[in-house]
Amino acid sequence: MRRHNYRLWKLGIVSMLIVVSMMVVGFSALSTTLEVNASTTQSALTWNIGFNTTYEVTPLSLAASSVTCGTPTITSTTATLSTVHLSAAGDGCRYKLPVANTGDINGQLSSVVTSVVSNSSSYTCTQVSSGKVLSCTYSGDSSEILIFPSANASITASTLGTSTAATIASTYVQPLISSVLNAGNTSNIYLYVFLRETPSRTSFSGLRFQTVVSYSQY
């Protein structure tokens, strides 16, 4: 009987040792610090978006007349127009200005403002809708010069009809503001100059316009 108890006692001791060993191994596994060494190289992203130096100029006219559109001066964010000659109602010029995103970050056109940079011809010019459209008139003259940018490549004097400058801003310019230009892509902004009614003077060499575009990250 005592021998039987002794064997049970030894078996119990061995079992306890096994359990304790397993607990020690488990605790050791839980308390071990796992170290992972890794290095990642990320090249800096670049931001580069704006007008490039290429452009196309197209005279627009409803009647046989002499239209001179001149050569725009282009920087990455501005387009300046001068030497415009429009002589009849409906005369106009379209300037196709490519915009390129040569960086790595997608961009969105956040604002566009058209303003007068010189006015030796004494025109009265008004910015409509925060500069989206520029409307210029001459004292005693019923004609009006309209200057505005758009994403639409097919605008004519007939398209505009008798639309007000505010309507032109909401219909033709505002859709341009929300346009997105993804990295590596090129898009076009079309800058328009139109003459309404037949003016008393046809050369606007003393009146220069400038459109400034701004982009933000999309």
N, C-alpha and C. Protein backbone atom coordinates (compact mmCIF):
# COMPACT_ATOMS: atom_id res chain seq x y z
N MET A 1 0.84 -1.21 0.00
CA MET A 1 0.00 0.00 0.00
C MET A 1 0.86 1.24 0.00
N ARG A 2 1.93 1.21 0.85
CA ARG A 2 2.84 2.36 0.92
C ARG A 2 3.57 2.52 -0.38
N ARG A 3 3.92 1.36 -1.02
CA ARG A 3 4.62 1.42 -2.30
C ARG A 3 3.74 2.04 -3.37
N HIS A 4 2.47 1.70 -3.31
CA HIS A 4 1.53 2.27 -4.28
C HIS A 4 1.42 3.77 -4.10
N ASN A 5 1.36 4.21 -2.83
CA ASN A 5 1.30 5.66 -2.55
C ASN A 5 2.57 6.36 -3.01
N TYR A 6 3.71 5.70 -2.83
CA TYR A 6 4.99 6.29 -3.24
C TYR A 6 5.03 6.51 -4.74
N ARG A 7 4.50 5.54 -5.48
CA ARG A 7 4.46 5.67 -6.95
C ARG A 7 3.54 6.82 -7.37
N LEU A 8 2.41 6.95 -6.68
CA LEU A 8 1.50 8.07 -6.99
C LEU A 8 2.16 9.41 -6.68
N TRP A 9 2.91 9.39 -5.57
CA TRP A 9 3.59 10.63 -5.17
C TRP A 9 4.63 11.04 -6.22
N LYS A 10 5.41 10.08 -6.73
CA LYS A 10 6.41 10.36 -7.76
C LYS A 10 5.73 10.83 -9.04
N LEU A 11 4.63 10.17 -9.40
CA LEU A 11 3.90 10.56 -10.61
C LEU A 11 3.37 11.98 -10.49
N GLY A 12 2.92 12.35 -9.27
CA GLY A 12 2.42 13.70 -9.04
C GLY A 12 3.53 14.73 -9.17
N ILE A 13 4.70 14.40 -8.62
CA ILE A 13 5.85 15.32 -8.71
C ILE A 13 6.24 15.54 -10.16
N VAL A 14 6.32 14.44 -10.92
CA VAL A 14 6.70 14.55 -12.34
C VAL A 14 5.68 15.39 -13.10
N SER A 15 4.39 15.20 -12.82
CA SER A 15 3.35 15.97 -13.50
C SER A 15 3.47 17.44 -13.19
N MET A 16 3.75 17.75 -11.93
CA MET A 16 3.90 19.15 -11.54
C MET A 16 5.09 19.79 -12.24
N LEU A 17 6.18 19.03 -12.35
CA LEU A 17 7.37 19.57 -13.03
C LEU A 17 7.07 19.85 -14.50
N ILE A 18 6.31 18.94 -15.11
CA ILE A 18 5.95 19.14 -16.52
C ILE A 18 5.12 20.42 -16.69
N VAL A 19 4.13 20.59 -15.79
CA VAL A 19 3.25 21.78 -15.87
C VAL A 19 4.05 23.04 -15.67
N VAL A 20 4.93 23.03 -14.67
CA VAL A 20 5.76 24.21 -14.39
C VAL A 20 6.65 24.52 -15.57
N SER A 21 7.24 23.50 -16.19
CA SER A 21 8.11 23.71 -17.36
C SER A 21 7.33 24.35 -18.50
N MET A 22 6.11 23.85 -18.70
CA MET A 22 5.30 24.41 -19.78
C MET A 22 4.95 25.86 -19.49
N MET A 23 4.67 26.19 -18.22
CA MET A 23 4.36 27.56 -17.85
C MET A 23 5.57 28.46 -18.08
N VAL A 24 6.74 27.99 -17.75
CA VAL A 24 7.97 28.78 -17.93
C VAL A 24 8.21 29.05 -19.41
N VAL A 25 8.03 28.01 -20.24
CA VAL A 25 8.23 28.17 -21.68
C VAL A 25 7.22 29.16 -22.24
N GLY A 26 5.95 29.04 -21.81
CA GLY A 26 4.92 29.95 -22.29
C GLY A 26 5.18 31.37 -21.89
N PHE A 27 5.57 31.59 -20.65
CA PHE A 27 5.87 32.94 -20.19
C PHE A 27 7.05 33.53 -20.94
N SER A 28 8.03 32.68 -21.21
CA SER A 28 9.21 33.14 -21.95
C SER A 28 8.83 33.58 -23.35
N ALA A 29 7.92 32.81 -23.98
CA ALA A 29 7.49 33.17 -25.34
C ALA A 29 6.73 34.47 -25.34
N LEU A 30 5.89 34.67 -24.29
CA LEU A 30 5.10 35.89 -24.23
C LEU A 30 5.95 37.11 -23.93
N SER A 31 7.02 36.93 -23.19
CA SER A 31 7.83 38.07 -22.77
C SER A 31 8.97 38.38 -23.73
N THR A 32 9.11 37.58 -24.78
CA THR A 32 10.18 37.82 -25.74
C THR A 32 9.87 39.04 -26.60
N THR A 33 10.80 39.96 -26.77
CA THR A 33 10.62 41.15 -27.61
C THR A 33 10.90 40.80 -29.06
N LEU A 34 9.93 41.10 -29.92
CA LEU A 34 10.08 40.81 -31.34
C LEU A 34 10.55 42.08 -32.03
N GLU A 35 11.69 42.08 -32.64
CA GLU A 35 12.26 43.23 -33.31
C GLU A 35 12.24 43.02 -34.82
N VAL A 36 11.69 44.02 -35.56
CA VAL A 36 11.66 43.97 -37.02
C VAL A 36 12.39 45.20 -37.53
N ASN A 37 13.42 45.00 -38.25
CA ASN A 37 14.19 46.10 -38.82
C ASN A 37 13.88 46.21 -40.32
N ALA A 38 13.36 47.39 -40.74
CA ALA A 38 13.03 47.60 -42.14
C ALA A 38 13.26 49.06 -42.48
N SER A 39 13.66 49.34 -43.70
CA SER A 39 13.87 50.72 -44.14
C SER A 39 13.19 50.91 -45.49
N THR A 40 12.47 52.07 -45.65
CA THR A 40 11.77 52.39 -46.88
C THR A 40 12.22 53.74 -47.39
N THR A 41 12.58 53.82 -48.63
CA THR A 41 13.00 55.08 -49.22
C THR A 41 11.87 55.66 -50.07
N GLN A 42 11.39 56.87 -49.73
CA GLN A 42 10.31 57.52 -50.45
C GLN A 42 10.84 58.80 -51.08
N SER A 43 10.80 58.86 -52.40
CA SER A 43 11.24 60.07 -53.07
C SER A 43 10.26 61.19 -52.80
N ALA A 44 10.76 62.41 -52.70
CA ALA A 44 9.91 63.56 -52.44
C ALA A 44 9.00 63.82 -53.63
N LEU A 45 7.71 64.06 -53.35
CA LEU A 45 6.77 64.37 -54.41
C LEU A 45 6.96 65.82 -54.85
N THR A 46 6.77 66.07 -56.13
CA THR A 46 6.98 67.42 -56.65
C THR A 46 5.65 68.02 -57.10
N TRP A 47 5.55 69.36 -56.95
CA TRP A 47 4.37 70.11 -57.37
C TRP A 47 4.79 71.02 -58.51
N ASN A 48 4.24 70.77 -59.70
CA ASN A 48 4.60 71.58 -60.87
C ASN A 48 3.43 71.57 -61.85
N ILE A 49 2.64 72.64 -61.83
CA ILE A 49 1.46 72.71 -62.66
C ILE A 49 1.24 74.14 -63.12
N GLY A 50 0.91 74.31 -64.41
CA GLY A 50 0.67 75.65 -64.93
C GLY A 50 0.72 75.68 -66.45
N PHE A 51 0.57 76.88 -67.02
CA PHE A 51 0.65 77.04 -68.47
C PHE A 51 2.02 76.62 -68.97
N ASN A 52 2.05 76.00 -70.15
CA ASN A 52 3.34 75.83 -70.82
C ASN A 52 3.46 76.93 -71.89
N THR A 53 4.50 76.92 -72.65
CA THR A 53 4.78 78.05 -73.55
C THR A 53 4.09 77.93 -74.91
N THR A 54 3.42 76.84 -75.17
CA THR A 54 2.74 76.69 -76.46
C THR A 54 1.33 77.27 -76.38
N TYR A 55 0.81 77.72 -77.51
CA TYR A 55 -0.55 78.24 -77.56
C TYR A 55 -1.02 78.27 -79.01
N GLU A 56 -2.33 78.42 -79.19
CA GLU A 56 -2.93 78.60 -80.51
C GLU A 56 -3.88 79.78 -80.46
N VAL A 57 -3.84 80.63 -81.47
CA VAL A 57 -4.72 81.80 -81.54
C VAL A 57 -5.63 81.66 -82.75
N THR A 58 -6.93 81.82 -82.53
CA THR A 58 -7.91 81.68 -83.62
C THR A 58 -8.81 82.92 -83.66
N PRO A 59 -8.82 83.68 -84.78
CA PRO A 59 -9.76 84.80 -84.90
C PRO A 59 -11.18 84.27 -85.05
N LEU A 60 -12.14 84.94 -84.43
CA LEU A 60 -13.54 84.56 -84.51
C LEU A 60 -14.33 85.77 -85.01
N SER A 61 -15.19 85.57 -85.99
CA SER A 61 -15.93 86.70 -86.53
C SER A 61 -17.23 86.24 -87.16
N LEU A 62 -18.28 87.05 -86.97
CA LEU A 62 -19.56 86.78 -87.62
C LEU A 62 -19.68 87.51 -88.94
N ALA A 63 -18.81 88.46 -89.15
CA ALA A 63 -18.87 89.28 -90.38
C ALA A 63 -17.48 89.42 -90.95
N ALA A 64 -17.43 89.78 -92.25
CA ALA A 64 -16.13 90.01 -92.89
C ALA A 64 -15.51 91.26 -92.29
N SER A 65 -14.46 91.09 -91.58
CA SER A 65 -13.81 92.22 -90.92
C SER A 65 -12.36 91.89 -90.66
N SER A 66 -11.63 92.89 -90.30
CA SER A 66 -10.22 92.69 -89.99
C SER A 66 -10.08 92.42 -88.50
N VAL A 67 -9.65 91.20 -88.17
CA VAL A 67 -9.48 90.80 -86.78
C VAL A 67 -8.01 90.51 -86.53
N THR A 68 -7.44 91.19 -85.55
CA THR A 68 -6.08 90.94 -85.14
C THR A 68 -6.09 90.54 -83.67
N CYS A 69 -5.58 89.37 -83.39
CA CYS A 69 -5.63 88.86 -82.02
C CYS A 69 -4.33 89.06 -81.25
N GLY A 70 -3.26 89.27 -81.96
CA GLY A 70 -2.00 89.51 -81.27
C GLY A 70 -1.41 88.25 -80.67
N THR A 71 -0.28 88.42 -80.03
CA THR A 71 0.46 87.31 -79.43
C THR A 71 0.39 87.40 -77.91
N PRO A 72 -0.09 86.37 -77.25
CA PRO A 72 -0.16 86.41 -75.79
C PRO A 72 1.22 86.23 -75.16
N THR A 73 1.40 86.82 -74.00
CA THR A 73 2.60 86.61 -73.21
C THR A 73 2.25 85.62 -72.10
N ILE A 74 2.97 84.48 -72.07
CA ILE A 74 2.61 83.38 -71.17
C ILE A 74 3.68 83.16 -70.12
N THR A 75 3.24 83.03 -68.87
CA THR A 75 4.09 82.50 -67.80
C THR A 75 3.40 81.24 -67.27
N SER A 76 3.92 80.66 -66.22
CA SER A 76 3.31 79.43 -65.71
C SER A 76 1.91 79.66 -65.15
N THR A 77 1.62 80.88 -64.69
CA THR A 77 0.32 81.13 -64.06
C THR A 77 -0.47 82.26 -64.71
N THR A 78 0.10 82.97 -65.69
CA THR A 78 -0.59 84.12 -66.27
C THR A 78 -0.58 84.08 -67.80
N ALA A 79 -1.60 84.69 -68.37
CA ALA A 79 -1.68 84.90 -69.82
C ALA A 79 -2.08 86.35 -70.03
N THR A 80 -1.23 87.13 -70.71
CA THR A 80 -1.47 88.56 -70.91
C THR A 80 -1.71 88.82 -72.39
N LEU A 81 -2.79 89.52 -72.71
CA LEU A 81 -3.18 89.79 -74.09
C LEU A 81 -3.00 91.26 -74.41
N SER A 82 -2.60 91.53 -75.64
CA SER A 82 -2.47 92.92 -76.11
C SER A 82 -2.58 92.95 -77.63
N THR A 83 -2.59 94.15 -78.21
CA THR A 83 -2.65 94.34 -79.66
C THR A 83 -3.85 93.63 -80.27
N VAL A 84 -5.00 93.80 -79.67
CA VAL A 84 -6.24 93.21 -80.19
C VAL A 84 -6.94 94.24 -81.07
N HIS A 85 -7.36 93.80 -82.26
CA HIS A 85 -8.09 94.68 -83.18
C HIS A 85 -9.38 94.00 -83.59
N LEU A 86 -10.51 94.51 -83.09
CA LEU A 86 -11.84 93.97 -83.41
C LEU A 86 -12.67 95.13 -83.94
N SER A 87 -13.30 94.95 -85.09
CA SER A 87 -13.95 96.10 -85.72
C SER A 87 -15.46 95.99 -85.85
N ALA A 88 -16.03 94.81 -85.70
CA ALA A 88 -17.47 94.65 -85.91
C ALA A 88 -18.08 93.82 -84.79
N ALA A 89 -19.37 94.01 -84.58
CA ALA A 89 -20.07 93.23 -83.56
C ALA A 89 -19.92 91.74 -83.83
N GLY A 90 -19.56 90.99 -82.82
CA GLY A 90 -19.37 89.55 -82.96
C GLY A 90 -17.93 89.14 -83.21
N ASP A 91 -17.05 90.12 -83.47
CA ASP A 91 -15.63 89.79 -83.64
C ASP A 91 -15.08 89.25 -82.32
N GLY A 92 -14.13 88.36 -82.45
CA GLY A 92 -13.52 87.82 -81.24
C GLY A 92 -12.23 87.08 -81.52
N CYS A 93 -11.58 86.66 -80.45
CA CYS A 93 -10.35 85.87 -80.52
C CYS A 93 -10.43 84.75 -79.49
N ARG A 94 -9.91 83.59 -79.88
CA ARG A 94 -9.82 82.47 -78.94
C ARG A 94 -8.35 82.09 -78.79
N TYR A 95 -7.89 82.01 -77.55
CA TYR A 95 -6.51 81.63 -77.25
C TYR A 95 -6.54 80.27 -76.55
N LYS A 96 -5.99 79.28 -77.21
CA LYS A 96 -5.91 77.95 -76.62
C LYS A 96 -4.60 77.85 -75.84
N LEU A 97 -4.73 77.71 -74.53
CA LEU A 97 -3.57 77.73 -73.64
C LEU A 97 -3.45 76.39 -72.92
N PRO A 98 -2.52 75.54 -73.32
CA PRO A 98 -2.35 74.25 -72.63
C PRO A 98 -1.82 74.44 -71.21
N VAL A 99 -2.35 73.64 -70.31
CA VAL A 99 -1.89 73.60 -68.93
C VAL A 99 -1.37 72.20 -68.66
N ALA A 100 -0.15 72.09 -68.17
CA ALA A 100 0.47 70.79 -67.95
C ALA A 100 0.75 70.56 -66.47
N ASN A 101 0.49 69.35 -66.02
CA ASN A 101 0.87 68.94 -64.67
C ASN A 101 2.04 67.98 -64.80
N THR A 102 3.24 68.52 -64.68
CA THR A 102 4.45 67.71 -64.82
C THR A 102 4.98 67.22 -63.48
N GLY A 103 4.23 67.45 -62.43
CA GLY A 103 4.64 66.99 -61.11
C GLY A 103 4.05 65.63 -60.77
N ASP A 104 4.08 65.29 -59.48
CA ASP A 104 3.59 63.99 -59.01
C ASP A 104 2.30 64.11 -58.21
N ILE A 105 1.77 65.33 -58.07
CA ILE A 105 0.61 65.57 -57.22
C ILE A 105 -0.57 66.03 -58.09
N ASN A 106 -1.72 65.42 -57.90
CA ASN A 106 -2.91 65.84 -58.63
C ASN A 106 -3.32 67.25 -58.22
N GLY A 107 -3.75 68.04 -59.20
CA GLY A 107 -4.12 69.42 -58.91
C GLY A 107 -5.54 69.74 -59.33
N GLN A 108 -6.10 70.76 -58.73
CA GLN A 108 -7.43 71.24 -59.06
C GLN A 108 -7.39 72.75 -59.22
N LEU A 109 -7.98 73.26 -60.31
CA LEU A 109 -8.00 74.69 -60.51
C LEU A 109 -8.88 75.32 -59.43
N SER A 110 -8.29 76.17 -58.61
CA SER A 110 -9.02 76.73 -57.47
C SER A 110 -9.54 78.13 -57.74
N SER A 111 -8.91 78.87 -58.65
CA SER A 111 -9.41 80.21 -58.95
C SER A 111 -8.86 80.68 -60.29
N VAL A 112 -9.59 81.59 -60.90
CA VAL A 112 -9.14 82.23 -62.14
C VAL A 112 -9.64 83.66 -62.11
N VAL A 113 -8.74 84.61 -62.34
CA VAL A 113 -9.09 86.02 -62.25
C VAL A 113 -8.57 86.75 -63.48
N THR A 114 -9.45 87.47 -64.17
CA THR A 114 -9.08 88.28 -65.33
C THR A 114 -9.16 89.76 -64.93
N SER A 115 -8.12 90.51 -65.25
CA SER A 115 -8.06 91.91 -64.86
C SER A 115 -7.36 92.73 -65.92
N VAL A 116 -7.39 94.04 -65.75
CA VAL A 116 -6.71 94.96 -66.67
C VAL A 116 -5.32 95.25 -66.12
N VAL A 117 -4.30 95.15 -66.98
CA VAL A 117 -2.93 95.47 -66.55
C VAL A 117 -2.47 96.83 -67.06
N SER A 118 -3.09 97.33 -68.13
CA SER A 118 -2.82 98.70 -68.59
C SER A 118 -4.03 99.19 -69.39
N ASN A 119 -4.30 100.50 -69.29
CA ASN A 119 -5.52 101.03 -69.90
C ASN A 119 -5.30 102.48 -70.32
N SER A 120 -4.44 102.70 -71.31
CA SER A 120 -4.20 104.06 -71.80
C SER A 120 -5.30 104.53 -72.74
N SER A 121 -6.24 103.62 -73.08
CA SER A 121 -7.34 103.98 -73.96
C SER A 121 -8.56 104.50 -73.21
N SER A 122 -8.45 104.59 -71.88
CA SER A 122 -9.51 105.15 -71.03
C SER A 122 -10.82 104.37 -71.10
N TYR A 123 -10.73 103.06 -71.16
CA TYR A 123 -11.92 102.23 -71.06
C TYR A 123 -12.32 102.08 -69.59
N THR A 124 -13.58 101.81 -69.36
CA THR A 124 -14.06 101.48 -68.03
C THR A 124 -14.28 99.98 -67.98
N CYS A 125 -13.52 99.32 -67.12
CA CYS A 125 -13.58 97.85 -67.06
C CYS A 125 -14.05 97.40 -65.68
N THR A 126 -14.93 96.39 -65.68
CA THR A 126 -15.51 95.87 -64.45
C THR A 126 -15.27 94.37 -64.37
N GLN A 127 -14.79 93.93 -63.22
CA GLN A 127 -14.64 92.49 -62.99
C GLN A 127 -15.96 91.93 -62.47
N VAL A 128 -16.44 90.89 -63.10
CA VAL A 128 -17.71 90.27 -62.73
C VAL A 128 -17.44 88.91 -62.10
N SER A 129 -18.15 88.62 -61.02
CA SER A 129 -18.01 87.32 -60.33
C SER A 129 -16.57 87.07 -59.93
N SER A 130 -16.03 88.02 -59.16
CA SER A 130 -14.67 87.90 -58.62
C SER A 130 -13.62 87.72 -59.71
N GLY A 131 -13.81 88.41 -60.83
CA GLY A 131 -12.81 88.40 -61.87
C GLY A 131 -12.94 87.29 -62.89
N LYS A 132 -14.00 86.51 -62.80
CA LYS A 132 -14.18 85.43 -63.78
C LYS A 132 -14.40 85.99 -65.19
N VAL A 133 -15.07 87.14 -65.26
CA VAL A 133 -15.32 87.81 -66.54
C VAL A 133 -14.92 89.28 -66.39
N LEU A 134 -14.31 89.82 -67.44
CA LEU A 134 -13.97 91.23 -67.47
C LEU A 134 -14.81 91.90 -68.55
N SER A 135 -15.53 92.96 -68.19
CA SER A 135 -16.39 93.69 -69.12
C SER A 135 -15.87 95.12 -69.24
N CYS A 136 -15.53 95.52 -70.47
CA CYS A 136 -14.96 96.84 -70.70
C CYS A 136 -15.82 97.64 -71.67
N THR A 137 -16.09 98.88 -71.35
CA THR A 137 -16.86 99.77 -72.21
C THR A 137 -16.13 101.10 -72.35
N TYR A 138 -16.53 101.84 -73.38
CA TYR A 138 -15.93 103.15 -73.62
C TYR A 138 -17.03 104.21 -73.53
N SER A 139 -16.72 105.33 -72.90
CA SER A 139 -17.71 106.38 -72.68
C SER A 139 -18.34 106.84 -74.00
N GLY A 140 -19.67 106.84 -74.05
CA GLY A 140 -20.38 107.28 -75.24
C GLY A 140 -20.48 106.23 -76.31
N ASP A 141 -20.00 105.02 -76.03
CA ASP A 141 -19.98 103.94 -77.00
C ASP A 141 -20.84 102.80 -76.47
N SER A 142 -21.70 102.24 -77.30
CA SER A 142 -22.58 101.16 -76.86
C SER A 142 -21.90 99.79 -76.91
N SER A 143 -20.70 99.73 -77.42
CA SER A 143 -20.02 98.43 -77.55
C SER A 143 -19.49 97.98 -76.20
N GLU A 144 -19.26 96.67 -76.11
CA GLU A 144 -18.74 96.07 -74.89
C GLU A 144 -17.72 95.01 -75.26
N ILE A 145 -16.60 95.00 -74.55
CA ILE A 145 -15.59 93.97 -74.73
C ILE A 145 -15.71 92.99 -73.57
N LEU A 146 -15.82 91.71 -73.89
CA LEU A 146 -15.91 90.67 -72.88
C LEU A 146 -14.66 89.80 -72.94
N ILE A 147 -14.05 89.55 -71.79
CA ILE A 147 -12.85 88.71 -71.71
C ILE A 147 -13.09 87.67 -70.62
N PHE A 148 -12.92 86.40 -70.95
CA PHE A 148 -13.16 85.34 -69.96
C PHE A 148 -12.49 84.04 -70.40
N PRO A 149 -12.12 83.17 -69.46
CA PRO A 149 -11.59 81.85 -69.77
C PRO A 149 -12.69 80.80 -69.70
N SER A 150 -12.45 79.66 -70.32
CA SER A 150 -13.43 78.58 -70.29
C SER A 150 -12.75 77.27 -70.66
N ALA A 151 -13.39 76.17 -70.29
CA ALA A 151 -12.94 74.85 -70.75
C ALA A 151 -13.61 74.48 -72.06
N ASN A 152 -14.56 75.31 -72.49
CA ASN A 152 -15.33 75.06 -73.71
C ASN A 152 -14.57 75.63 -74.92
N ALA A 153 -14.32 74.79 -75.92
CA ALA A 153 -13.53 75.20 -77.08
C ALA A 153 -14.39 75.72 -78.22
N SER A 154 -15.71 75.77 -78.04
CA SER A 154 -16.59 76.06 -79.18
C SER A 154 -17.49 77.27 -78.95
N ILE A 155 -17.09 78.20 -78.15
CA ILE A 155 -17.92 79.38 -77.88
C ILE A 155 -17.80 80.39 -79.02
N THR A 156 -18.93 80.92 -79.44
CA THR A 156 -18.95 81.97 -80.45
C THR A 156 -19.84 83.10 -79.95
N ALA A 157 -19.86 84.20 -80.71
CA ALA A 157 -20.73 85.30 -80.35
C ALA A 157 -22.19 84.85 -80.38
N SER A 158 -22.53 83.96 -81.32
CA SER A 158 -23.89 83.44 -81.39
C SER A 158 -24.22 82.59 -80.16
N THR A 159 -23.22 81.83 -79.68
CA THR A 159 -23.41 81.02 -78.48
C THR A 159 -23.75 81.91 -77.28
N LEU A 160 -23.02 83.00 -77.17
CA LEU A 160 -23.22 83.90 -76.04
C LEU A 160 -24.56 84.63 -76.14
N GLY A 161 -24.94 84.97 -77.38
CA GLY A 161 -26.18 85.72 -77.56
C GLY A 161 -26.11 87.04 -76.81
N THR A 162 -27.15 87.32 -76.06
CA THR A 162 -27.19 88.56 -75.26
C THR A 162 -26.96 88.28 -73.78
N SER A 163 -26.31 87.15 -73.49
CA SER A 163 -26.05 86.78 -72.09
C SER A 163 -25.29 87.88 -71.36
N THR A 164 -25.66 88.11 -70.13
CA THR A 164 -24.93 89.07 -69.31
C THR A 164 -23.59 88.49 -68.90
N ALA A 165 -22.70 89.35 -68.44
CA ALA A 165 -21.39 88.89 -67.98
C ALA A 165 -21.53 87.91 -66.82
N ALA A 166 -22.51 88.14 -65.95
CA ALA A 166 -22.73 87.24 -64.81
C ALA A 166 -23.18 85.86 -65.29
N THR A 167 -24.03 85.83 -66.31
CA THR A 167 -24.48 84.55 -66.87
C THR A 167 -23.32 83.82 -67.54
N ILE A 168 -22.48 84.57 -68.24
CA ILE A 168 -21.30 83.98 -68.87
C ILE A 168 -20.39 83.37 -67.81
N ALA A 169 -20.23 84.08 -66.69
CA ALA A 169 -19.37 83.58 -65.61
C ALA A 169 -19.89 82.27 -65.05
N SER A 170 -21.19 82.15 -64.83
CA SER A 170 -21.75 80.93 -64.24
C SER A 170 -21.84 79.79 -65.25
N THR A 171 -22.08 80.13 -66.52
CA THR A 171 -22.30 79.10 -67.54
C THR A 171 -21.00 78.57 -68.14
N TYR A 172 -20.05 79.45 -68.41
CA TYR A 172 -18.86 79.07 -69.16
C TYR A 172 -17.56 79.06 -68.34
N VAL A 173 -17.53 79.85 -67.26
CA VAL A 173 -16.28 79.94 -66.49
C VAL A 173 -16.32 79.04 -65.26
N GLN A 174 -17.43 79.02 -64.56
CA GLN A 174 -17.50 78.27 -63.31
C GLN A 174 -17.16 76.79 -63.47
N PRO A 175 -17.61 76.09 -64.53
CA PRO A 175 -17.22 74.68 -64.69
C PRO A 175 -15.70 74.48 -64.77
N LEU A 176 -15.00 75.51 -65.19
CA LEU A 176 -13.55 75.42 -65.27
C LEU A 176 -12.92 75.37 -63.89
N ILE A 177 -13.54 76.05 -62.92
CA ILE A 177 -12.95 76.19 -61.58
C ILE A 177 -12.79 74.84 -60.89
N SER A 178 -13.73 73.94 -61.11
CA SER A 178 -13.68 72.65 -60.43
C SER A 178 -12.94 71.57 -61.22
N SER A 179 -12.30 71.95 -62.31
CA SER A 179 -11.63 70.95 -63.14
C SER A 179 -10.38 70.41 -62.46
N VAL A 180 -10.15 69.13 -62.65
CA VAL A 180 -9.01 68.43 -62.04
C VAL A 180 -7.98 68.10 -63.10
N LEU A 181 -6.71 68.28 -62.75
CA LEU A 181 -5.61 67.94 -63.66
C LEU A 181 -4.69 66.97 -62.92
N ASN A 182 -4.79 65.70 -63.28
CA ASN A 182 -3.99 64.67 -62.62
C ASN A 182 -2.52 64.76 -63.01
N ALA A 183 -1.68 64.25 -62.15
CA ALA A 183 -0.23 64.26 -62.39
C ALA A 183 0.09 63.62 -63.73
N GLY A 184 0.93 64.29 -64.51
CA GLY A 184 1.36 63.77 -65.80
C GLY A 184 0.44 64.10 -66.96
N ASN A 185 -0.68 64.78 -66.69
CA ASN A 185 -1.65 65.07 -67.75
C ASN A 185 -1.58 66.53 -68.20
N THR A 186 -2.17 66.78 -69.37
CA THR A 186 -2.25 68.14 -69.92
C THR A 186 -3.69 68.43 -70.30
N SER A 187 -4.14 69.65 -70.01
CA SER A 187 -5.49 70.08 -70.36
C SER A 187 -5.39 71.44 -71.04
N ASN A 188 -6.54 71.99 -71.45
CA ASN A 188 -6.54 73.28 -72.14
C ASN A 188 -7.49 74.27 -71.47
N ILE A 189 -7.05 75.50 -71.38
CA ILE A 189 -7.91 76.61 -71.01
C ILE A 189 -8.05 77.50 -72.24
N TYR A 190 -9.28 77.85 -72.57
CA TYR A 190 -9.54 78.71 -73.74
C TYR A 190 -9.89 80.11 -73.24
N LEU A 191 -9.08 81.07 -73.60
CA LEU A 191 -9.30 82.44 -73.21
C LEU A 191 -9.96 83.18 -74.37
N TYR A 192 -11.11 83.80 -74.12
CA TYR A 192 -11.90 84.45 -75.17
C TYR A 192 -11.93 85.96 -74.99
N VAL A 193 -11.94 86.66 -76.13
CA VAL A 193 -12.20 88.10 -76.18
C VAL A 193 -13.28 88.32 -77.22
N PHE A 194 -14.38 88.94 -76.84
CA PHE A 194 -15.48 89.20 -77.77
C PHE A 194 -15.87 90.68 -77.75
N LEU A 195 -16.33 91.16 -78.92
CA LEU A 195 -16.83 92.53 -79.05
C LEU A 195 -18.32 92.51 -79.35
N ARG A 196 -19.08 93.25 -78.57
CA ARG A 196 -20.51 93.39 -78.80
C ARG A 196 -20.81 94.79 -79.32
N GLU A 197 -21.66 94.85 -80.32
CA GLU A 197 -22.01 96.10 -80.99
C GLU A 197 -20.79 96.64 -81.75
N THR A 198 -21.02 97.51 -82.70
CA THR A 198 -19.93 98.09 -83.48
C THR A 198 -19.38 99.30 -82.73
N PRO A 199 -18.11 99.28 -82.41
CA PRO A 199 -17.55 100.35 -81.59
C PRO A 199 -17.16 101.57 -82.40
N SER A 200 -16.98 102.68 -81.72
CA SER A 200 -16.49 103.88 -82.38
C SER A 200 -14.99 103.79 -82.61
N ARG A 201 -14.34 102.99 -81.83
CA ARG A 201 -12.90 102.73 -82.04
C ARG A 201 -12.70 101.23 -82.13
N THR A 202 -11.77 100.82 -82.95
CA THR A 202 -11.59 99.39 -83.23
C THR A 202 -10.26 98.84 -82.76
N SER A 203 -9.35 99.68 -82.39
CA SER A 203 -8.05 99.20 -81.93
C SER A 203 -7.95 99.38 -80.43
N PHE A 204 -7.60 98.32 -79.74
CA PHE A 204 -7.51 98.35 -78.29
C PHE A 204 -6.06 98.17 -77.83
N SER A 205 -5.14 98.76 -78.56
CA SER A 205 -3.72 98.57 -78.26
C SER A 205 -3.35 99.10 -76.89
N GLY A 206 -4.14 100.06 -76.40
CA GLY A 206 -3.84 100.61 -75.07
C GLY A 206 -4.51 99.87 -73.95
N LEU A 207 -5.25 98.81 -74.28
CA LEU A 207 -5.97 98.04 -73.28
C LEU A 207 -5.40 96.63 -73.24
N ARG A 208 -4.80 96.29 -72.13
CA ARG A 208 -4.19 94.96 -71.99
C ARG A 208 -4.88 94.19 -70.88
N PHE A 209 -5.11 92.91 -71.13
CA PHE A 209 -5.82 92.06 -70.19
C PHE A 209 -4.88 90.97 -69.69
N GLN A 210 -5.14 90.52 -68.48
CA GLN A 210 -4.35 89.42 -67.94
C GLN A 210 -5.25 88.45 -67.17
N THR A 211 -5.06 87.17 -67.42
CA THR A 211 -5.78 86.13 -66.69
C THR A 211 -4.79 85.35 -65.83
N VAL A 212 -5.10 85.23 -64.57
CA VAL A 212 -4.24 84.51 -63.61
C VAL A 212 -4.98 83.29 -63.10
N VAL A 213 -4.36 82.13 -63.18
CA VAL A 213 -4.96 80.90 -62.68
C VAL A 213 -4.18 80.40 -61.46
N SER A 214 -4.91 79.77 -60.55
CA SER A 214 -4.29 79.20 -59.35
C SER A 214 -4.76 77.76 -59.19
N TYR A 215 -3.84 76.89 -58.78
CA TYR A 215 -4.17 75.49 -58.58
C TYR A 215 -3.87 75.11 -57.13
N SER A 216 -4.62 74.14 -56.65
CA SER A 216 -4.38 73.59 -55.33
C SER A 216 -4.35 72.08 -55.42
N GLN A 217 -3.87 71.43 -54.36
CA GLN A 217 -3.78 69.98 -54.37
C GLN A 217 -5.18 69.38 -54.35
N TYR A 218 -5.36 68.33 -55.16
CA TYR A 218 -6.68 67.68 -55.24
C TYR A 218 -6.70 66.43 -54.38
